[in-house]
Amino acid sequence: MKKDKHVDAELFELFLTSGAYRDYAEQFLRPDQIDDVDISKYVETKQAAE
């Protein structure tokens, strides 16, 4: 969705780097519904952005 510009890229990265996705999951999902997420696959590093 980020690549297709359905979601603002900066907002998406903030959602991941702030841990908001994890906080939401812990509050509203059962533990067996929560997956481990490697956000490095989705967040650009500063070197890659330059």
PDB file of N, CA and C in Angstrom:
ATOM      1  N   MET A   1       0.833  -1.195   0.000  1.00  0.00           N
ATOM      2  CA  MET A   1       0.000   0.000   0.000  1.00  0.00           C
ATOM      3  C   MET A   1       0.874   1.255   0.000  1.00  0.00           C
ATOM      4  N   LYS A   2       1.988   1.193   0.697  1.00  0.00           N
ATOM      5  CA  LYS A   2       2.909   2.336   0.702  1.00  0.00           C
ATOM      6  C   LYS A   2       3.465   2.578  -0.699  1.00  0.00           C
ATOM      7  N   LYS A   3       3.877   1.503  -1.361  1.00  0.00           N
ATOM      8  CA  LYS A   3       4.460   1.628  -2.701  1.00  0.00           C
ATOM      9  C   LYS A   3       3.453   2.160  -3.710  1.00  0.00           C
ATOM     10  N   ASP A   4       2.185   1.794  -3.536  1.00  0.00           N
ATOM     11  CA  ASP A   4       1.131   2.253  -4.450  1.00  0.00           C
ATOM     12  C   ASP A   4       0.523   3.583  -4.027  1.00  0.00           C
ATOM     13  N   LYS A   5       1.099   4.181  -2.969  1.00  0.00           N
ATOM     14  CA  LYS A   5       0.683   5.491  -2.463  1.00  0.00           C
ATOM     15  C   LYS A   5      -0.761   5.531  -1.960  1.00  0.00           C
ATOM     16  N   HIS A   6      -1.212   4.386  -1.426  1.00  0.00           N
ATOM     17  CA  HIS A   6      -2.516   4.346  -0.767  1.00  0.00           C
ATOM     18  C   HIS A   6      -2.396   4.849   0.668  1.00  0.00           C
ATOM     19  N   VAL A   7      -1.162   4.772   1.192  1.00  0.00           N
ATOM     20  CA  VAL A   7      -0.852   5.211   2.550  1.00  0.00           C
ATOM     21  C   VAL A   7       0.343   6.150   2.463  1.00  0.00           C
ATOM     22  N   ASP A   8       0.307   7.248   3.201  1.00  0.00           N
ATOM     23  CA  ASP A   8       1.423   8.185   3.232  1.00  0.00           C
ATOM     24  C   ASP A   8       2.663   7.470   3.765  1.00  0.00           C
ATOM     25  N   ALA A   9       3.771   7.537   3.038  1.00  0.00           N
ATOM     26  CA  ALA A   9       4.996   6.817   3.390  1.00  0.00           C
ATOM     27  C   ALA A   9       5.557   7.233   4.750  1.00  0.00           C
ATOM     28  N   GLU A  10       5.579   8.523   5.028  1.00  0.00           N
ATOM     29  CA  GLU A  10       6.116   8.989   6.313  1.00  0.00           C
ATOM     30  C   GLU A  10       5.238   8.546   7.483  1.00  0.00           C
ATOM     31  N   LEU A  11       3.942   8.599   7.291  1.00  0.00           N
ATOM     32  CA  LEU A  11       3.021   8.170   8.342  1.00  0.00           C
ATOM     33  C   LEU A  11       3.146   6.667   8.584  1.00  0.00           C
ATOM     34  N   PHE A  12       3.281   5.909   7.521  1.00  0.00           N
ATOM     35  CA  PHE A  12       3.462   4.463   7.624  1.00  0.00           C
ATOM     36  C   PHE A  12       4.725   4.138   8.415  1.00  0.00           C
ATOM     37  N   GLU A  13       5.822   4.816   8.099  1.00  0.00           N
ATOM     38  CA  GLU A  13       7.070   4.569   8.812  1.00  0.00           C
ATOM     39  C   GLU A  13       6.965   4.974  10.283  1.00  0.00           C
ATOM     40  N   LEU A  14       6.275   6.059  10.558  1.00  0.00           N
ATOM     41  CA  LEU A  14       6.067   6.471  11.945  1.00  0.00           C
ATOM     42  C   LEU A  14       5.256   5.420  12.703  1.00  0.00           C
ATOM     43  N   PHE A  15       4.227   4.895  12.074  1.00  0.00           N
ATOM     44  CA  PHE A  15       3.391   3.841  12.654  1.00  0.00           C
ATOM     45  C   PHE A  15       4.247   2.644  13.057  1.00  0.00           C
ATOM     46  N   LEU A  16       5.193   2.282  12.206  1.00  0.00           N
ATOM     47  CA  LEU A  16       6.055   1.138  12.503  1.00  0.00           C
ATOM     48  C   LEU A  16       7.128   1.469  13.533  1.00  0.00           C
ATOM     49  N   THR A  17       7.849   2.567  13.313  1.00  0.00           N
ATOM     50  CA  THR A  17       8.980   2.879  14.196  1.00  0.00           C
ATOM     51  C   THR A  17       8.546   3.288  15.600  1.00  0.00           C
ATOM     52  N   SER A  18       7.349   3.816  15.737  1.00  0.00           N
ATOM     53  CA  SER A  18       6.865   4.212  17.066  1.00  0.00           C
ATOM     54  C   SER A  18       6.365   3.016  17.872  1.00  0.00           C
ATOM     55  N   GLY A  19       6.103   1.905  17.185  1.00  0.00           N
ATOM     56  CA  GLY A  19       5.573   0.729  17.868  1.00  0.00           C
ATOM     57  C   GLY A  19       4.061   0.777  18.041  1.00  0.00           C
ATOM     58  N   ALA A  20       3.404   1.731  17.403  1.00  0.00           N
ATOM     59  CA  ALA A  20       1.943   1.864  17.536  1.00  0.00           C
ATOM     60  C   ALA A  20       1.225   0.606  17.071  1.00  0.00           C
ATOM     61  N   TYR A  21       1.738  -0.042  16.023  1.00  0.00           N
ATOM     62  CA  TYR A  21       1.102  -1.265  15.537  1.00  0.00           C
ATOM     63  C   TYR A  21       1.127  -2.355  16.602  1.00  0.00           C
ATOM     64  N   ARG A  22       2.229  -2.429  17.351  1.00  0.00           N
ATOM     65  CA  ARG A  22       2.383  -3.440  18.397  1.00  0.00           C
ATOM     66  C   ARG A  22       1.490  -3.115  19.590  1.00  0.00           C
ATOM     67  N   ASP A  23       1.427  -1.842  19.972  1.00  0.00           N
ATOM     68  CA  ASP A  23       0.555  -1.431  21.074  1.00  0.00           C
ATOM     69  C   ASP A  23      -0.899  -1.761  20.765  1.00  0.00           C
ATOM     70  N   TYR A  24      -1.326  -1.481  19.531  1.00  0.00           N
ATOM     71  CA  TYR A  24      -2.694  -1.778  19.112  1.00  0.00           C
ATOM     72  C   TYR A  24      -2.953  -3.287  19.190  1.00  0.00           C
ATOM     73  N   ALA A  25      -2.014  -4.061  18.660  1.00  0.00           N
ATOM     74  CA  ALA A  25      -2.167  -5.517  18.657  1.00  0.00           C
ATOM     75  C   ALA A  25      -2.270  -6.063  20.075  1.00  0.00           C
ATOM     76  N   GLU A  26      -1.421  -5.600  20.961  1.00  0.00           N
ATOM     77  CA  GLU A  26      -1.439  -6.089  22.340  1.00  0.00           C
ATOM     78  C   GLU A  26      -2.729  -5.719  23.059  1.00  0.00           C
ATOM     79  N   GLN A  27      -3.331  -4.609  22.674  1.00  0.00           N
ATOM     80  CA  GLN A  27      -4.564  -4.164  23.323  1.00  0.00           C
ATOM     81  C   GLN A  27      -5.798  -4.880  22.771  1.00  0.00           C
ATOM     82  N   PHE A  28      -5.822  -5.162  21.474  1.00  0.00           N
ATOM     83  CA  PHE A  28      -7.052  -5.634  20.852  1.00  0.00           C
ATOM     84  C   PHE A  28      -7.018  -7.058  20.302  1.00  0.00           C
ATOM     85  N   LEU A  29      -5.850  -7.694  20.277  1.00  0.00           N
ATOM     86  CA  LEU A  29      -5.760  -9.041  19.732  1.00  0.00           C
ATOM     87  C   LEU A  29      -5.347 -10.043  20.802  1.00  0.00           C
ATOM     88  N   ARG A  30      -5.695 -11.299  20.556  1.00  0.00           N
ATOM     89  CA  ARG A  30      -5.219 -12.372  21.434  1.00  0.00           C
ATOM     90  C   ARG A  30      -3.743 -12.608  21.116  1.00  0.00           C
ATOM     91  N   PRO A  31      -2.974 -13.072  22.085  1.00  0.00           N
ATOM     92  CA  PRO A  31      -1.540 -13.297  21.841  1.00  0.00           C
ATOM     93  C   PRO A  31      -1.264 -14.195  20.634  1.00  0.00           C
ATOM     94  N   ASP A  32      -2.111 -15.200  20.392  1.00  0.00           N
ATOM     95  CA  ASP A  32      -1.883 -16.098  19.257  1.00  0.00           C
ATOM     96  C   ASP A  32      -2.187 -15.439  17.908  1.00  0.00           C
ATOM     97  N   GLN A  33      -2.758 -14.253  17.916  1.00  0.00           N
ATOM     98  CA  GLN A  33      -3.050 -13.529  16.677  1.00  0.00           C
ATOM     99  C   GLN A  33      -1.953 -12.524  16.312  1.00  0.00           C
ATOM    100  N   ILE A  34      -0.987 -12.341  17.198  1.00  0.00           N
ATOM    101  CA  ILE A  34       0.051 -11.330  16.991  1.00  0.00           C
ATOM    102  C   ILE A  34       1.285 -11.982  16.382  1.00  0.00           C
ATOM    103  N   ASP A  35       1.689 -11.477  15.218  1.00  0.00           N
ATOM    104  CA  ASP A  35       2.883 -11.968  14.534  1.00  0.00           C
ATOM    105  C   ASP A  35       4.084 -11.097  14.881  1.00  0.00           C
ATOM    106  N   ASP A  36       5.264 -11.708  14.852  1.00  0.00           N
ATOM    107  CA  ASP A  36       6.494 -10.920  14.958  1.00  0.00           C
ATOM    108  C   ASP A  36       6.679 -10.190  13.634  1.00  0.00           C
ATOM    109  N   VAL A  37       7.059  -8.927  13.705  1.00  0.00           N
ATOM    110  CA  VAL A  37       7.222  -8.122  12.502  1.00  0.00           C
ATOM    111  C   VAL A  37       8.645  -7.578  12.445  1.00  0.00           C
ATOM    112  N   ASP A  38       9.317  -7.811  11.334  1.00  0.00           N
ATOM    113  CA  ASP A  38      10.639  -7.242  11.106  1.00  0.00           C
ATOM    114  C   ASP A  38      10.425  -5.951  10.317  1.00  0.00           C
ATOM    115  N   ILE A  39      10.377  -4.826  11.025  1.00  0.00           N
ATOM    116  CA  ILE A  39      10.049  -3.563  10.358  1.00  0.00           C
ATOM    117  C   ILE A  39      11.146  -3.100   9.408  1.00  0.00           C
ATOM    118  N   SER A  40      12.356  -3.671   9.510  1.00  0.00           N
ATOM    119  CA  SER A  40      13.440  -3.254   8.614  1.00  0.00           C
ATOM    120  C   SER A  40      13.096  -3.553   7.148  1.00  0.00           C
ATOM    121  N   LYS A  41      12.177  -4.473   6.917  1.00  0.00           N
ATOM    122  CA  LYS A  41      11.739  -4.779   5.552  1.00  0.00           C
ATOM    123  C   LYS A  41      10.870  -3.665   4.971  1.00  0.00           C
ATOM    124  N   TYR A  42      10.298  -2.847   5.836  1.00  0.00           N
ATOM    125  CA  TYR A  42       9.321  -1.849   5.411  1.00  0.00           C
ATOM    126  C   TYR A  42       9.760  -0.405   5.616  1.00  0.00           C
ATOM    127  N   VAL A  43      10.805  -0.205   6.421  1.00  0.00           N
ATOM    128  CA  VAL A  43      11.271   1.137   6.746  1.00  0.00           C
ATOM    129  C   VAL A  43      12.584   1.383   6.024  1.00  0.00           C
ATOM    130  N   GLU A  44      12.668   2.511   5.327  1.00  0.00           N
ATOM    131  CA  GLU A  44      13.894   2.849   4.630  1.00  0.00           C
ATOM    132  C   GLU A  44      14.946   3.321   5.621  1.00  0.00           C
ATOM    133  N   THR A  45      16.166   2.891   5.392  1.00  0.00           N
ATOM    134  CA  THR A  45      17.261   3.403   6.220  1.00  0.00           C
ATOM    135  C   THR A  45      17.686   4.747   5.646  1.00  0.00           C
ATOM    136  N   LYS A  46      18.335   5.542   6.449  1.00  0.00           N
ATOM    137  CA  LYS A  46      18.781   6.865   5.974  1.00  0.00           C
ATOM    138  C   LYS A  46      19.748   6.717   4.805  1.00  0.00           C
ATOM    139  N   GLN A  47      20.608   5.716   4.811  1.00  0.00           N
ATOM    140  CA  GLN A  47      21.556   5.514   3.720  1.00  0.00           C
ATOM    141  C   GLN A  47      20.827   5.193   2.418  1.00  0.00           C
ATOM    142  N   ALA A  48      19.789   4.347   2.504  1.00  0.00           N
ATOM    143  CA  ALA A  48      19.041   3.976   1.309  1.00  0.00           C
ATOM    144  C   ALA A  48      18.286   5.162   0.745  1.00  0.00           C
ATOM    145  N   ALA A  49      17.855   6.069   1.609  1.00  0.00           N
ATOM    146  CA  ALA A  49      17.075   7.234   1.179  1.00  0.00           C
ATOM    147  C   ALA A  49      17.952   8.276   0.497  1.00  0.00           C
ATOM    148  N   GLU A  50      19.242   8.267   0.791  1.00  0.00           N
ATOM    149  CA  GLU A  50      20.155   9.290   0.243  1.00  0.00           C
ATOM    150  C   GLU A  50      20.593   9.005  -1.142  1.00  0.00           C
TER     151      GLU A  50
END
